[in-house]
Protein backbone atom coordinates (compact mmCIF):
# COMPACT_ATOMS: atom_id res chain seq x y z
CA MET A 1 -15.29 -100.78 -86.51
CA ILE A 2 -15.45 -104.30 -87.94
CA VAL A 3 -16.03 -107.12 -85.48
CA LEU A 4 -14.50 -110.43 -86.54
CA ASN A 5 -16.13 -113.70 -85.71
CA LEU A 6 -14.08 -116.33 -83.89
CA LEU A 7 -13.58 -118.46 -87.03
CA LEU A 8 -12.07 -115.63 -89.08
CA SER A 9 -9.83 -114.64 -86.21
CA ALA A 10 -8.66 -118.22 -85.60
CA LEU A 11 -7.83 -118.77 -89.27
CA SER A 12 -6.21 -115.36 -89.77
CA GLY A 13 -2.49 -115.09 -90.38
CA GLY A 14 -2.17 -118.07 -92.71
CA GLY A 15 -4.75 -120.56 -91.46
CA ARG A 16 -6.44 -122.81 -94.00
CA THR A 17 -8.43 -126.00 -94.32
CA SER A 18 -8.16 -128.87 -96.81
CA ARG A 19 -10.80 -131.53 -97.30
CA TYR A 20 -9.91 -135.18 -98.01
CA GLY A 21 -13.23 -136.98 -98.46
CA ASP A 22 -14.82 -137.30 -95.03
CA TRP A 23 -11.82 -135.70 -93.31
CA VAL A 24 -10.53 -132.15 -92.93
CA VAL A 25 -6.96 -131.02 -92.28
CA VAL A 26 -6.81 -127.68 -90.47
CA THR A 27 -3.53 -125.79 -90.74
CA LEU A 28 -2.99 -122.88 -88.38
CA PRO A 29 0.22 -120.94 -87.76
CA ALA A 30 2.54 -123.27 -85.78
CA MET A 31 0.07 -126.20 -85.67
CA ALA A 32 -2.00 -128.54 -87.80
CA PHE A 33 -4.54 -131.26 -87.10
CA ALA A 34 -7.03 -133.50 -88.85
CA THR A 35 -10.62 -134.21 -87.85
CA SER A 36 -13.85 -135.47 -89.37
CA ALA A 37 -15.70 -133.21 -91.81
CA GLN A 38 -18.85 -133.52 -89.72
CA GLU A 39 -17.12 -132.38 -86.53
CA PHE A 40 -15.36 -129.57 -88.40
CA GLN A 41 -18.72 -128.38 -89.74
CA GLN A 42 -20.19 -128.29 -86.22
CA VAL A 43 -17.23 -126.38 -84.76
CA GLN A 44 -17.14 -124.05 -87.78
CA THR A 45 -20.82 -123.18 -87.27
CA TRP A 46 -20.18 -122.60 -83.54
CA ALA A 47 -17.16 -120.36 -84.27
CA ARG A 48 -19.02 -118.27 -86.86
CA ALA A 49 -21.66 -117.43 -84.25
CA ARG A 50 -19.09 -116.17 -81.70
CA SER A 51 -17.37 -112.78 -81.70
CA SER A 52 -13.61 -112.65 -81.59
CA MET A 53 -12.07 -112.15 -78.17
CA GLY A 54 -9.63 -109.65 -79.70
CA ASN A 55 -6.64 -111.94 -79.14
CA VAL A 56 -5.76 -114.26 -82.03
CA HIS A 57 -4.01 -116.80 -79.78
CA ARG A 58 -6.98 -116.99 -77.43
CA ASP A 59 -9.37 -117.37 -80.38
CA ARG A 60 -7.28 -120.23 -81.82
CA SER A 61 -7.21 -121.96 -78.45
CA LEU A 62 -11.00 -121.74 -78.09
CA PHE A 63 -11.44 -123.01 -81.66
CA VAL A 64 -9.09 -126.00 -81.25
CA GLU A 65 -10.40 -126.94 -77.78
CA ARG A 66 -13.88 -127.32 -79.22
CA PHE A 67 -12.89 -130.44 -81.22
CA GLU A 68 -13.36 -133.82 -79.55
CA THR A 69 -11.40 -135.87 -82.11
CA VAL A 70 -8.06 -134.48 -83.26
CA LEU A 71 -5.15 -136.19 -85.03
CA ALA A 72 -2.36 -133.70 -84.37
CA ARG A 73 0.68 -133.08 -86.52
CA SER A 74 3.90 -133.74 -84.60
CA GLY A 75 5.46 -130.70 -82.97
CA GLY A 76 2.32 -128.60 -83.24
CA GLY A 77 1.66 -127.96 -79.57
CA ILE A 78 -1.61 -129.91 -79.39
CA ALA A 79 -2.19 -133.55 -78.52
CA THR A 80 -4.00 -136.24 -80.44
CA ARG A 81 -7.30 -137.03 -78.75
CA GLY A 82 -10.54 -138.84 -79.42
CA SER A 83 -11.93 -142.36 -79.53
CA ARG A 84 -9.69 -145.04 -81.02
CA PRO A 85 -12.19 -146.28 -83.64
CA VAL A 86 -12.68 -142.75 -84.99
CA LEU A 87 -8.92 -142.13 -84.99
CA GLN A 88 -8.36 -145.43 -86.84
CA ARG A 89 -10.89 -144.42 -89.52
CA LEU A 90 -9.33 -140.97 -89.72
CA ILE A 91 -5.85 -142.41 -90.24
CA ALA A 92 -7.11 -144.85 -92.88
CA GLY A 93 -8.95 -142.05 -94.70
CA LEU A 94 -5.94 -139.76 -94.72
CA LYS A 95 -3.70 -142.58 -96.00
CA GLN A 96 -6.22 -143.20 -98.77
CA GLY A 97 -6.12 -139.46 -99.54
CA GLY A 98 -2.37 -139.70 -100.09
CA LEU A 99 -1.03 -138.04 -96.95
CA GLN A 100 2.21 -139.27 -95.40
CA MET A 101 1.44 -140.48 -91.87
CA ASP A 102 4.99 -140.23 -90.49
CA GLU A 103 4.54 -136.51 -89.70
CA TRP A 104 1.40 -137.08 -87.61
CA SER A 105 1.22 -137.86 -83.90
CA ILE A 106 -0.36 -141.32 -84.06
CA PRO A 107 -0.66 -143.20 -80.74
CA HIS A 108 1.74 -146.17 -80.83
CA ASN A 109 -0.96 -148.63 -79.69
CA ILE A 110 -3.77 -147.37 -81.94
CA ASN A 111 -4.59 -150.84 -83.27
CA GLU A 112 -4.80 -152.55 -79.89
CA SER A 113 -8.33 -153.05 -78.67
CA VAL A 114 -9.22 -152.08 -75.16
CA GLU A 115 -11.70 -154.29 -73.41
CA ILE A 116 -13.21 -153.63 -70.04
CA LYS A 117 -13.72 -156.84 -68.10
CA ARG A 118 -16.75 -156.98 -65.89
CA LYS A 119 -16.80 -158.68 -62.55
CA ALA A 120 -18.65 -161.94 -62.51
CA ALA A 121 -22.12 -161.59 -61.07
CA GLY A 122 -22.45 -163.06 -57.63
CA PRO A 123 -24.99 -165.73 -56.76
CA GLU A 124 -28.54 -164.46 -56.61
CA ARG A 125 -29.84 -164.00 -53.10
CA ALA A 126 -33.15 -165.56 -52.21
CA PRO A 127 -35.75 -163.15 -50.75
C-alpha cells in the first residue's frame, strides 16, 4: 500500500503551481491563489512531511489553511488574506509577470494606509 504525503494528495486531480519571480500561483481543482515563493516553500516542506488524511478535500483544506498570505482568484471558495504591504507587493509582482488582475479578489481599499492613533500620554505624576 502506498501512502501519499499531504502535498501530493492536495495537488492530485489537476493541481499545479506556476512561479512568477518571487511569487507562486497555486491552481487546485475549483480554486486558485497566489502567495510568496518563500511562504509556498515553507508550506510545501510542511505538507511533504505529513501523511495524507485519505480525503482529498480535507488534505486541500489543510494545505490552503496553512498559508498566511493568499491572493485568491474570484469565485474560488477561499478569501484573500494577509498583510496589506505583502498583498500590495504580490499584486505588483503578478502585474509585472503579465497576469490580468481583474480575475483576482483584490480588496477594494488595498492602497489605503491604516494608521492606529495612540492616545496622548497623560501628565506625569509626581512621586
